[in-house]
Amino acid sequence: MYPFEISQYDLYRAMLLMFRCGAFLMTIPAFGHVSIPRMFRLWLVLFLTVLLLPFASISTDQLPVPT
């Protein structure tokens, strides 16, 4: 057993949540402005993703099936 195990479902869910958080923050004029450093925006999106990940759920009916 590995000490840190992540399934494909968890990675897919985190990726979707990260895209949603990033899109949301880029539409807010204060965070989408060029005066805010890119690394700060990236870390903020990653922080929000980790913070919201336990509360986010997606339907497993339409997940891509690996071939």
PDB file of N, CA and C in Angstrom:
ATOM      1  N   MET A   1       0.846  -1.182   0.000  1.00  0.00           N
ATOM      2  CA  MET A   1       0.000   0.000   0.000  1.00  0.00           C
ATOM      3  C   MET A   1       0.891   1.244   0.000  1.00  0.00           C
ATOM      4  N   TYR A   2       0.543   2.182  -0.831  1.00  0.00           N
ATOM      5  CA  TYR A   2       1.303   3.418  -0.945  1.00  0.00           C
ATOM      6  C   TYR A   2       0.815   4.431   0.075  1.00  0.00           C
ATOM      7  N   PRO A   3       1.699   5.242   0.630  1.00  0.00           N
ATOM      8  CA  PRO A   3       1.270   6.208   1.653  1.00  0.00           C
ATOM      9  C   PRO A   3       0.398   7.327   1.078  1.00  0.00           C
ATOM     10  N   PHE A   4       0.577   7.632  -0.198  1.00  0.00           N
ATOM     11  CA  PHE A   4      -0.189   8.718  -0.813  1.00  0.00           C
ATOM     12  C   PHE A   4      -0.765   8.189  -2.112  1.00  0.00           C
ATOM     13  N   GLU A   5      -2.019   7.831  -2.080  1.00  0.00           N
ATOM     14  CA  GLU A   5      -2.634   7.181  -3.232  1.00  0.00           C
ATOM     15  C   GLU A   5      -3.781   8.044  -3.757  1.00  0.00           C
ATOM     16  N   ILE A   6      -3.736   8.358  -5.047  1.00  0.00           N
ATOM     17  CA  ILE A   6      -4.768   9.161  -5.688  1.00  0.00           C
ATOM     18  C   ILE A   6      -5.302   8.389  -6.874  1.00  0.00           C
ATOM     19  N   SER A   7      -6.612   8.304  -6.966  1.00  0.00           N
ATOM     20  CA  SER A   7      -7.217   7.591  -8.090  1.00  0.00           C
ATOM     21  C   SER A   7      -7.385   8.535  -9.281  1.00  0.00           C
ATOM     22  N   GLN A   8      -7.690   7.961 -10.425  1.00  0.00           N
ATOM     23  CA  GLN A   8      -7.941   8.776 -11.611  1.00  0.00           C
ATOM     24  C   GLN A   8      -9.165   9.652 -11.402  1.00  0.00           C
ATOM     25  N   TYR A   9     -10.140   9.159 -10.680  1.00  0.00           N
ATOM     26  CA  TYR A   9     -11.340   9.930 -10.384  1.00  0.00           C
ATOM     27  C   TYR A   9     -10.990  11.192  -9.601  1.00  0.00           C
ATOM     28  N   ASP A  10     -10.106  11.071  -8.608  1.00  0.00           N
ATOM     29  CA  ASP A  10      -9.709  12.233  -7.808  1.00  0.00           C
ATOM     30  C   ASP A  10      -8.939  13.248  -8.647  1.00  0.00           C
ATOM     31  N   LEU A  11      -8.071  12.780  -9.521  1.00  0.00           N
ATOM     32  CA  LEU A  11      -7.321  13.694 -10.390  1.00  0.00           C
ATOM     33  C   LEU A  11      -8.246  14.411 -11.359  1.00  0.00           C
ATOM     34  N   TYR A  12      -9.199  13.691 -11.913  1.00  0.00           N
ATOM     35  CA  TYR A  12     -10.155  14.282 -12.840  1.00  0.00           C
ATOM     36  C   TYR A  12     -11.008  15.336 -12.126  1.00  0.00           C
ATOM     37  N   ARG A  13     -11.437  15.006 -10.928  1.00  0.00           N
ATOM     38  CA  ARG A  13     -12.250  15.937 -10.139  1.00  0.00           C
ATOM     39  C   ARG A  13     -11.445  17.182  -9.769  1.00  0.00           C
ATOM     40  N   ALA A  14     -10.183  17.013  -9.389  1.00  0.00           N
ATOM     41  CA  ALA A  14      -9.330  18.143  -9.044  1.00  0.00           C
ATOM     42  C   ALA A  14      -9.065  19.022 -10.259  1.00  0.00           C
ATOM     43  N   MET A  15      -8.863  18.400 -11.419  1.00  0.00           N
ATOM     44  CA  MET A  15      -8.610  19.165 -12.637  1.00  0.00           C
ATOM     45  C   MET A  15      -9.834  20.016 -13.004  1.00  0.00           C
ATOM     46  N   LEU A  16     -11.020  19.418 -12.944  1.00  0.00           N
ATOM     47  CA  LEU A  16     -12.226  20.181 -13.256  1.00  0.00           C
ATOM     48  C   LEU A  16     -12.425  21.332 -12.275  1.00  0.00           C
ATOM     49  N   LEU A  17     -12.196  21.068 -11.013  1.00  0.00           N
ATOM     50  CA  LEU A  17     -12.365  22.114 -10.006  1.00  0.00           C
ATOM     51  C   LEU A  17     -11.331  23.218 -10.183  1.00  0.00           C
ATOM     52  N   MET A  18     -10.104  22.861 -10.546  1.00  0.00           N
ATOM     53  CA  MET A  18      -9.064  23.859 -10.763  1.00  0.00           C
ATOM     54  C   MET A  18      -9.416  24.752 -11.945  1.00  0.00           C
ATOM     55  N   PHE A  19      -9.938  24.174 -13.021  1.00  0.00           N
ATOM     56  CA  PHE A  19     -10.358  24.985 -14.169  1.00  0.00           C
ATOM     57  C   PHE A  19     -11.503  25.915 -13.791  1.00  0.00           C
ATOM     58  N   ARG A  20     -12.427  25.429 -12.998  1.00  0.00           N
ATOM     59  CA  ARG A  20     -13.558  26.270 -12.586  1.00  0.00           C
ATOM     60  C   ARG A  20     -13.092  27.423 -11.697  1.00  0.00           C
ATOM     61  N   CYS A  21     -12.223  27.131 -10.739  1.00  0.00           N
ATOM     62  CA  CYS A  21     -11.708  28.185  -9.856  1.00  0.00           C
ATOM     63  C   CYS A  21     -10.891  29.197 -10.641  1.00  0.00           C
ATOM     64  N   GLY A  22     -10.079  28.716 -11.570  1.00  0.00           N
ATOM     65  CA  GLY A  22      -9.265  29.618 -12.380  1.00  0.00           C
ATOM     66  C   GLY A  22     -10.112  30.521 -13.247  1.00  0.00           C
ATOM     67  N   ALA A  23     -11.134  29.951 -13.872  1.00  0.00           N
ATOM     68  CA  ALA A  23     -12.015  30.758 -14.715  1.00  0.00           C
ATOM     69  C   ALA A  23     -12.767  31.789 -13.878  1.00  0.00           C
ATOM     70  N   PHE A  24     -13.193  31.383 -12.695  1.00  0.00           N
ATOM     71  CA  PHE A  24     -13.902  32.313 -11.817  1.00  0.00           C
ATOM     72  C   PHE A  24     -13.009  33.465 -11.402  1.00  0.00           C
ATOM     73  N   LEU A  25     -11.773  33.166 -11.009  1.00  0.00           N
ATOM     74  CA  LEU A  25     -10.868  34.226 -10.558  1.00  0.00           C
ATOM     75  C   LEU A  25     -10.453  35.143 -11.704  1.00  0.00           C
ATOM     76  N   MET A  26     -10.343  34.622 -12.907  1.00  0.00           N
ATOM     77  CA  MET A  26      -9.923  35.467 -14.025  1.00  0.00           C
ATOM     78  C   MET A  26     -11.043  36.403 -14.479  1.00  0.00           C
ATOM     79  N   THR A  27     -12.283  36.089 -14.132  1.00  0.00           N
ATOM     80  CA  THR A  27     -13.384  36.980 -14.508  1.00  0.00           C
ATOM     81  C   THR A  27     -13.573  38.113 -13.503  1.00  0.00           C
ATOM     82  N   ILE A  28     -13.021  37.965 -12.305  1.00  0.00           N
ATOM     83  CA  ILE A  28     -13.085  39.037 -11.317  1.00  0.00           C
ATOM     84  C   ILE A  28     -12.063  40.091 -11.723  1.00  0.00           C
ATOM     85  N   PRO A  29     -12.478  41.332 -11.935  1.00  0.00           N
ATOM     86  CA  PRO A  29     -11.542  42.353 -12.426  1.00  0.00           C
ATOM     87  C   PRO A  29     -10.305  42.549 -11.555  1.00  0.00           C
ATOM     88  N   ALA A  30     -10.428  42.422 -10.249  1.00  0.00           N
ATOM     89  CA  ALA A  30      -9.282  42.652  -9.371  1.00  0.00           C
ATOM     90  C   ALA A  30      -8.213  41.578  -9.529  1.00  0.00           C
ATOM     91  N   PHE A  31      -8.598  40.324  -9.779  1.00  0.00           N
ATOM     92  CA  PHE A  31      -7.625  39.240  -9.899  1.00  0.00           C
ATOM     93  C   PHE A  31      -7.193  38.983 -11.334  1.00  0.00           C
ATOM     94  N   GLY A  32      -7.966  39.412 -12.304  1.00  0.00           N
ATOM     95  CA  GLY A  32      -7.607  39.203 -13.694  1.00  0.00           C
ATOM     96  C   GLY A  32      -6.713  40.286 -14.266  1.00  0.00           C
ATOM     97  N   HIS A  33      -6.439  41.311 -13.489  1.00  0.00           N
ATOM     98  CA  HIS A  33      -5.633  42.432 -13.961  1.00  0.00           C
ATOM     99  C   HIS A  33      -4.164  42.031 -14.061  1.00  0.00           C
ATOM    100  N   VAL A  34      -3.444  42.659 -14.970  1.00  0.00           N
ATOM    101  CA  VAL A  34      -2.039  42.312 -15.191  1.00  0.00           C
ATOM    102  C   VAL A  34      -1.131  42.727 -14.028  1.00  0.00           C
ATOM    103  N   SER A  35      -1.620  43.563 -13.130  1.00  0.00           N
ATOM    104  CA  SER A  35      -0.784  43.987 -12.007  1.00  0.00           C
ATOM    105  C   SER A  35      -0.644  42.883 -10.952  1.00  0.00           C
ATOM    106  N   ILE A  36      -1.518  41.896 -10.973  1.00  0.00           N
ATOM    107  CA  ILE A  36      -1.415  40.760 -10.058  1.00  0.00           C
ATOM    108  C   ILE A  36      -0.464  39.746 -10.677  1.00  0.00           C
ATOM    109  N   PRO A  37       0.600  39.358  -9.987  1.00  0.00           N
ATOM    110  CA  PRO A  37       1.565  38.402 -10.561  1.00  0.00           C
ATOM    111  C   PRO A  37       0.921  37.050 -10.894  1.00  0.00           C
ATOM    112  N   ARG A  38       1.396  36.443 -11.958  1.00  0.00           N
ATOM    113  CA  ARG A  38       0.846  35.157 -12.400  1.00  0.00           C
ATOM    114  C   ARG A  38       1.041  34.071 -11.357  1.00  0.00           C
ATOM    115  N   MET A  39       2.196  34.062 -10.713  1.00  0.00           N
ATOM    116  CA  MET A  39       2.446  33.028  -9.705  1.00  0.00           C
ATOM    117  C   MET A  39       1.499  33.160  -8.522  1.00  0.00           C
ATOM    118  N   PHE A  40       1.148  34.368  -8.138  1.00  0.00           N
ATOM    119  CA  PHE A  40       0.178  34.562  -7.061  1.00  0.00           C
ATOM    120  C   PHE A  40      -1.183  34.016  -7.467  1.00  0.00           C
ATOM    121  N   ARG A  41      -1.588  34.304  -8.708  1.00  0.00           N
ATOM    122  CA  ARG A  41      -2.878  33.799  -9.185  1.00  0.00           C
ATOM    123  C   ARG A  41      -2.876  32.278  -9.259  1.00  0.00           C
ATOM    124  N   LEU A  42      -1.771  31.698  -9.698  1.00  0.00           N
ATOM    125  CA  LEU A  42      -1.667  30.247  -9.779  1.00  0.00           C
ATOM    126  C   LEU A  42      -1.754  29.609  -8.402  1.00  0.00           C
ATOM    127  N   TRP A  43      -1.017  30.153  -7.440  1.00  0.00           N
ATOM    128  CA  TRP A  43      -1.059  29.611  -6.086  1.00  0.00           C
ATOM    129  C   TRP A  43      -2.435  29.789  -5.455  1.00  0.00           C
ATOM    130  N   LEU A  44      -3.094  30.883  -5.763  1.00  0.00           N
ATOM    131  CA  LEU A  44      -4.441  31.102  -5.243  1.00  0.00           C
ATOM    132  C   LEU A  44      -5.417  30.078  -5.812  1.00  0.00           C
ATOM    133  N   VAL A  45      -5.313  29.796  -7.092  1.00  0.00           N
ATOM    134  CA  VAL A  45      -6.175  28.786  -7.710  1.00  0.00           C
ATOM    135  C   VAL A  45      -5.889  27.410  -7.114  1.00  0.00           C
ATOM    136  N   LEU A  46      -4.630  27.065  -6.934  1.00  0.00           N
ATOM    137  CA  LEU A  46      -4.286  25.768  -6.333  1.00  0.00           C
ATOM    138  C   LEU A  46      -4.775  25.678  -4.887  1.00  0.00           C
ATOM    139  N   PHE A  47      -4.636  26.766  -4.139  1.00  0.00           N
ATOM    140  CA  PHE A  47      -5.123  26.779  -2.757  1.00  0.00           C
ATOM    141  C   PHE A  47      -6.642  26.590  -2.704  1.00  0.00           C
ATOM    142  N   LEU A  48      -7.358  27.297  -3.559  1.00  0.00           N
ATOM    143  CA  LEU A  48      -8.819  27.137  -3.587  1.00  0.00           C
ATOM    144  C   LEU A  48      -9.227  25.734  -4.016  1.00  0.00           C
ATOM    145  N   THR A  49      -8.488  25.157  -4.939  1.00  0.00           N
ATOM    146  CA  THR A  49      -8.798  23.801  -5.384  1.00  0.00           C
ATOM    147  C   THR A  49      -8.637  22.807  -4.244  1.00  0.00           C
ATOM    148  N   VAL A  50      -7.531  22.898  -3.529  1.00  0.00           N
ATOM    149  CA  VAL A  50      -7.302  21.985  -2.403  1.00  0.00           C
ATOM    150  C   VAL A  50      -8.324  22.226  -1.301  1.00  0.00           C
ATOM    151  N   LEU A  51      -8.694  23.465  -1.090  1.00  0.00           N
ATOM    152  CA  LEU A  51      -9.655  23.809  -0.056  1.00  0.00           C
ATOM    153  C   LEU A  51     -11.058  23.285  -0.391  1.00  0.00           C
ATOM    154  N   LEU A  52     -11.460  23.383  -1.642  1.00  0.00           N
ATOM    155  CA  LEU A  52     -12.812  22.997  -2.046  1.00  0.00           C
ATOM    156  C   LEU A  52     -12.937  21.549  -2.501  1.00  0.00           C
ATOM    157  N   LEU A  53     -11.843  20.854  -2.695  1.00  0.00           N
ATOM    158  CA  LEU A  53     -11.884  19.494  -3.227  1.00  0.00           C
ATOM    159  C   LEU A  53     -12.715  18.524  -2.391  1.00  0.00           C
ATOM    160  N   PRO A  54     -12.658  18.551  -1.073  1.00  0.00           N
ATOM    161  CA  PRO A  54     -13.495  17.609  -0.316  1.00  0.00           C
ATOM    162  C   PRO A  54     -14.997  17.854  -0.475  1.00  0.00           C
ATOM    163  N   PHE A  55     -15.381  19.045  -0.862  1.00  0.00           N
ATOM    164  CA  PHE A  55     -16.796  19.382  -0.968  1.00  0.00           C
ATOM    165  C   PHE A  55     -17.336  19.242  -2.388  1.00  0.00           C
ATOM    166  N   ALA A  56     -16.466  19.090  -3.358  1.00  0.00           N
ATOM    167  CA  ALA A  56     -16.878  19.020  -4.757  1.00  0.00           C
ATOM    168  C   ALA A  56     -17.153  17.572  -5.140  1.00  0.00           C
ATOM    169  N   SER A  57     -18.258  17.379  -5.808  1.00  0.00           N
ATOM    170  CA  SER A  57     -18.563  16.044  -6.315  1.00  0.00           C
ATOM    171  C   SER A  57     -19.030  16.183  -7.752  1.00  0.00           C
ATOM    172  N   ILE A  58     -18.694  15.200  -8.547  1.00  0.00           N
ATOM    173  CA  ILE A  58     -19.152  15.172  -9.925  1.00  0.00           C
ATOM    174  C   ILE A  58     -19.827  13.838 -10.166  1.00  0.00           C
ATOM    175  N   SER A  59     -20.665  13.816 -11.162  1.00  0.00           N
ATOM    176  CA  SER A  59     -21.369  12.598 -11.500  1.00  0.00           C
ATOM    177  C   SER A  59     -20.390  11.619 -12.149  1.00  0.00           C
ATOM    178  N   THR A  60     -20.440  10.372 -11.707  1.00  0.00           N
ATOM    179  CA  THR A  60     -19.536   9.370 -12.280  1.00  0.00           C
ATOM    180  C   THR A  60     -20.115   8.707 -13.511  1.00  0.00           C
ATOM    181  N   ASP A  61     -21.296   9.127 -13.923  1.00  0.00           N
ATOM    182  CA  ASP A  61     -21.934   8.506 -15.090  1.00  0.00           C
ATOM    183  C   ASP A  61     -21.210   8.852 -16.390  1.00  0.00           C
ATOM    184  N   GLN A  62     -20.626  10.051 -16.483  1.00  0.00           N
ATOM    185  CA  GLN A  62     -20.052  10.495 -17.742  1.00  0.00           C
ATOM    186  C   GLN A  62     -18.527  10.657 -17.669  1.00  0.00           C
ATOM    187  N   LEU A  63     -17.874   9.957 -16.769  1.00  0.00           N
ATOM    188  CA  LEU A  63     -16.420  10.017 -16.692  1.00  0.00           C
ATOM    189  C   LEU A  63     -15.824   9.266 -17.876  1.00  0.00           C
ATOM    190  N   PRO A  64     -14.713   9.743 -18.397  1.00  0.00           N
ATOM    191  CA  PRO A  64     -14.078   9.026 -19.511  1.00  0.00           C
ATOM    192  C   PRO A  64     -13.534   7.686 -19.037  1.00  0.00           C
ATOM    193  N   VAL A  65     -13.682   6.697 -19.883  1.00  0.00           N
ATOM    194  CA  VAL A  65     -13.243   5.342 -19.548  1.00  0.00           C
ATOM    195  C   VAL A  65     -11.888   5.121 -20.227  1.00  0.00           C
ATOM    196  N   PRO A  66     -10.844   4.766 -19.434  1.00  0.00           N
ATOM    197  CA  PRO A  66      -9.538   4.522 -20.058  1.00  0.00           C
ATOM    198  C   PRO A  66      -9.590   3.248 -20.911  1.00  0.00           C
ATOM    199  N   THR A  67      -8.923   3.307 -22.055  1.00  0.00           N
ATOM    200  CA  THR A  67      -8.927   2.133 -22.932  1.00  0.00           C
ATOM    201  C   THR A  67      -7.616   1.407 -22.871  1.00  0.00           C
TER     202      THR A  67
END
